[in-house]
Amino acid sequence: MPPKPPTACRTPRCAGYAVSQGYCKDCGPVPISAPETPIPQSRHDYHKAWKKLYNTSRWRYTVQPAVLRRDPICKKCNHNPSEVADHVKDHRGDLKMFYDLSNLRGVCKECHDEKTGTEHGFKRNENLPPTPTGNLPEPGSVPPNVDFTSLLNLDRKKRQE
């Protein structure tokens, strides 16, 4: 097999020929160094290490459906239907606790989100201002003195002609 023709170095404005990984012997590949300070994790990445457990076939097709069949009504509020198989004690990646049926209960989505938010130090919509109270109009009611023709960009003179 004939030798391959030389290629140019990947470094801009370098006249050398590539030797290793597209760089010449003078430029060489730039080593990737670790960042000096650790990158802070997002508040939603608290379970990133064991997130893959929730995608296993054992969890999705055996354990989770069994819990939802066993607990058709939410075990926390006793009102809504169960939608989520919730761990009573946080498993932290421990397989025995993750698949233990006595550590699982069926809860509704609202109760699960509330529990998870308080356990892990965050709640959904925590930075939103409080909703205003007072003289709010009824849903679907029309405020007085509303000119719908101007809202719909209708010209009364053209319409009457």
Protein backbone atom coordinates (compact mmCIF):
# COMPACT_ATOMS: atom_id res chain seq x y z
CA MET A 1 0.00 0.00 0.00
CA PRO A 2 1.48 3.37 -0.97
CA PRO A 3 2.11 5.89 1.82
CA LYS A 4 -0.49 8.59 2.43
CA PRO A 5 0.34 12.11 1.31
CA PRO A 6 1.21 14.51 4.15
CA THR A 7 -1.51 16.77 5.48
CA ALA A 8 -1.22 20.27 6.91
CA CYS A 9 -1.13 20.94 10.64
CA ARG A 10 -4.46 21.85 12.28
CA THR A 11 -2.95 24.85 14.04
CA PRO A 12 -3.83 28.09 12.20
CA ARG A 13 -0.92 29.73 10.34
CA CYS A 14 1.39 26.72 10.89
CA ALA A 15 3.32 25.51 7.85
CA GLY A 16 4.19 22.10 9.35
CA TYR A 17 2.90 18.69 8.35
CA ALA A 18 0.63 16.64 10.59
CA VAL A 19 2.32 13.84 12.48
CA SER A 20 -0.03 12.97 15.34
CA GLN A 21 -3.75 13.73 15.71
CA GLY A 22 -3.62 16.31 12.93
CA TYR A 23 -0.82 18.41 14.49
CA CYS A 24 2.84 18.77 13.56
CA LYS A 25 5.63 17.73 15.95
CA ASP A 26 6.12 21.34 17.12
CA CYS A 27 2.45 22.17 17.83
CA GLY A 28 1.34 18.83 19.19
CA PRO A 29 -2.16 18.25 20.53
CA VAL A 30 -3.14 20.66 23.28
CA PRO A 31 -3.65 18.71 26.51
CA ILE A 32 -7.04 19.18 28.08
CA SER A 33 -6.50 20.23 31.66
CA ALA A 34 -9.00 19.83 34.45
CA PRO A 35 -10.72 23.02 35.52
CA GLU A 36 -9.21 24.70 38.56
CA THR A 37 -12.51 24.94 40.41
CA PRO A 38 -15.08 22.17 40.27
CA ILE A 39 -18.11 22.91 38.14
CA PRO A 40 -21.12 23.35 40.41
CA GLN A 41 -23.87 20.86 39.79
CA SER A 42 -27.33 22.00 38.93
CA ARG A 43 -29.91 21.64 41.65
CA HIS A 44 -31.70 19.17 39.39
CA ASP A 45 -28.67 16.86 39.09
CA TYR A 46 -28.92 15.53 42.64
CA HIS A 47 -29.67 12.01 41.43
CA LYS A 48 -27.57 12.01 38.26
CA ALA A 49 -25.37 9.15 39.47
CA TRP A 50 -28.29 6.72 39.79
CA LYS A 51 -30.70 8.17 37.19
CA LYS A 52 -29.97 5.18 34.94
CA LEU A 53 -31.70 2.88 37.47
CA TYR A 54 -35.06 4.42 36.55
CA ASN A 55 -34.58 3.29 32.92
CA THR A 56 -33.91 -0.38 33.69
CA SER A 57 -36.47 -2.89 32.48
CA ARG A 58 -36.78 -4.32 35.99
CA TRP A 59 -37.94 -0.93 37.31
CA ARG A 60 -40.12 0.10 34.37
CA TYR A 61 -41.88 -3.19 33.68
CA THR A 62 -41.87 -5.03 37.01
CA VAL A 63 -41.37 -2.93 40.13
CA GLN A 64 -43.07 0.36 39.24
CA PRO A 65 -46.26 -1.24 37.81
CA ALA A 66 -46.46 -3.57 40.83
CA VAL A 67 -46.36 -0.60 43.22
CA LEU A 68 -49.00 1.33 41.25
CA ARG A 69 -51.27 -1.75 41.18
CA ARG A 70 -50.76 -2.29 44.91
CA ASP A 71 -51.45 1.37 45.76
CA PRO A 72 -54.09 2.69 43.31
CA ILE A 73 -54.82 5.73 45.54
CA CYS A 74 -52.12 8.18 46.65
CA LYS A 75 -50.69 7.08 50.02
CA LYS A 76 -49.94 10.66 51.03
CA CYS A 77 -53.16 12.57 50.35
CA ASN A 78 -55.55 9.56 50.05
CA HIS A 79 -57.43 11.45 47.36
CA ASN A 80 -55.82 11.38 43.90
CA PRO A 81 -54.90 8.27 41.87
CA SER A 82 -51.31 7.10 42.14
CA GLU A 83 -49.08 8.05 39.22
CA VAL A 84 -45.56 7.71 40.63
CA ALA A 85 -43.78 4.96 42.55
CA ASP A 86 -42.06 6.93 45.31
CA HIS A 87 -39.23 5.84 47.59
CA VAL A 88 -40.11 6.36 51.26
CA LYS A 89 -36.43 6.55 52.26
CA ASP A 90 -34.01 8.03 49.73
CA HIS A 91 -32.02 5.11 48.22
CA ARG A 92 -28.92 7.12 47.11
CA GLY A 93 -28.07 4.45 44.52
CA ASP A 94 -28.34 1.44 46.85
CA LEU A 95 -29.84 -1.32 44.67
CA LYS A 96 -31.36 -3.19 47.61
CA MET A 97 -33.26 -0.09 48.78
CA PHE A 98 -34.09 0.93 45.19
CA TYR A 99 -35.98 -2.29 44.38
CA ASP A 100 -37.33 -2.97 47.91
CA LEU A 101 -41.15 -2.98 47.67
CA SER A 102 -41.49 -2.09 51.36
CA ASN A 103 -39.55 1.13 50.64
CA LEU A 104 -41.93 2.09 47.79
CA ARG A 105 -45.40 3.59 47.78
CA GLY A 106 -47.76 4.90 45.13
CA VAL A 107 -48.32 8.67 45.21
CA CYS A 108 -49.85 11.27 42.91
CA LYS A 109 -47.61 13.61 40.93
CA GLU A 110 -48.42 16.66 43.09
CA CYS A 111 -47.51 14.90 46.34
CA HIS A 112 -44.35 13.44 44.79
CA ASP A 113 -43.17 16.83 43.52
CA GLU A 114 -43.85 18.43 46.90
CA LYS A 115 -41.98 15.68 48.79
CA THR A 116 -39.04 15.68 46.40
CA GLY A 117 -38.80 19.47 46.52
CA THR A 118 -38.66 19.62 50.29
CA GLU A 119 -36.27 16.66 50.56
CA HIS A 120 -33.74 18.04 48.11
CA GLY A 121 -33.98 21.70 49.06
CA PHE A 122 -35.92 23.17 46.18
CA LYS A 123 -39.50 23.62 45.14
CA ARG A 124 -40.98 24.32 41.77
CA ASN A 125 -41.77 28.02 41.12
CA GLU A 126 -40.16 29.13 44.38
CA ASN A 127 -39.03 32.48 42.98
CA LEU A 128 -42.38 33.57 41.59
CA PRO A 129 -44.19 36.46 43.29
CA PRO A 130 -47.34 35.60 45.21
CA THR A 131 -50.56 35.66 43.26
CA PRO A 132 -52.63 38.82 43.76
CA THR A 133 -55.81 38.55 45.79
CA GLY A 134 -58.74 40.92 45.99
CA ASN A 135 -61.26 42.05 43.39
CA LEU A 136 -60.32 39.76 40.53
CA PRO A 137 -62.82 39.26 37.69
CA GLU A 138 -64.53 35.92 37.34
CA PRO A 139 -62.95 33.66 34.72
CA GLY A 140 -64.69 34.15 31.38
CA SER A 141 -66.34 37.45 32.35
CA VAL A 142 -66.03 40.49 30.08
CA PRO A 143 -64.73 43.73 31.61
CA PRO A 144 -67.07 46.71 31.15
CA ASN A 145 -66.53 49.25 28.33
CA VAL A 146 -64.61 46.92 26.02
CA ASP A 147 -64.78 47.84 22.33
CA PHE A 148 -64.37 44.54 20.50
CA THR A 149 -64.34 46.21 17.08
CA SER A 150 -61.15 48.06 17.93
CA LEU A 151 -59.66 44.90 19.39
CA LEU A 152 -60.42 43.00 16.19
CA ASN A 153 -59.26 45.92 14.01
CA LEU A 154 -62.66 46.30 12.39
CA ASP A 155 -63.60 49.62 10.88
CA ARG A 156 -67.23 50.47 11.63
CA LYS A 157 -67.62 52.74 8.55
CA LYS A 158 -66.50 50.04 6.12
CA ARG A 159 -68.71 47.48 7.78
CA GLN A 160 -71.88 49.66 7.55
CA GLU A 161 -71.43 50.29 3.81
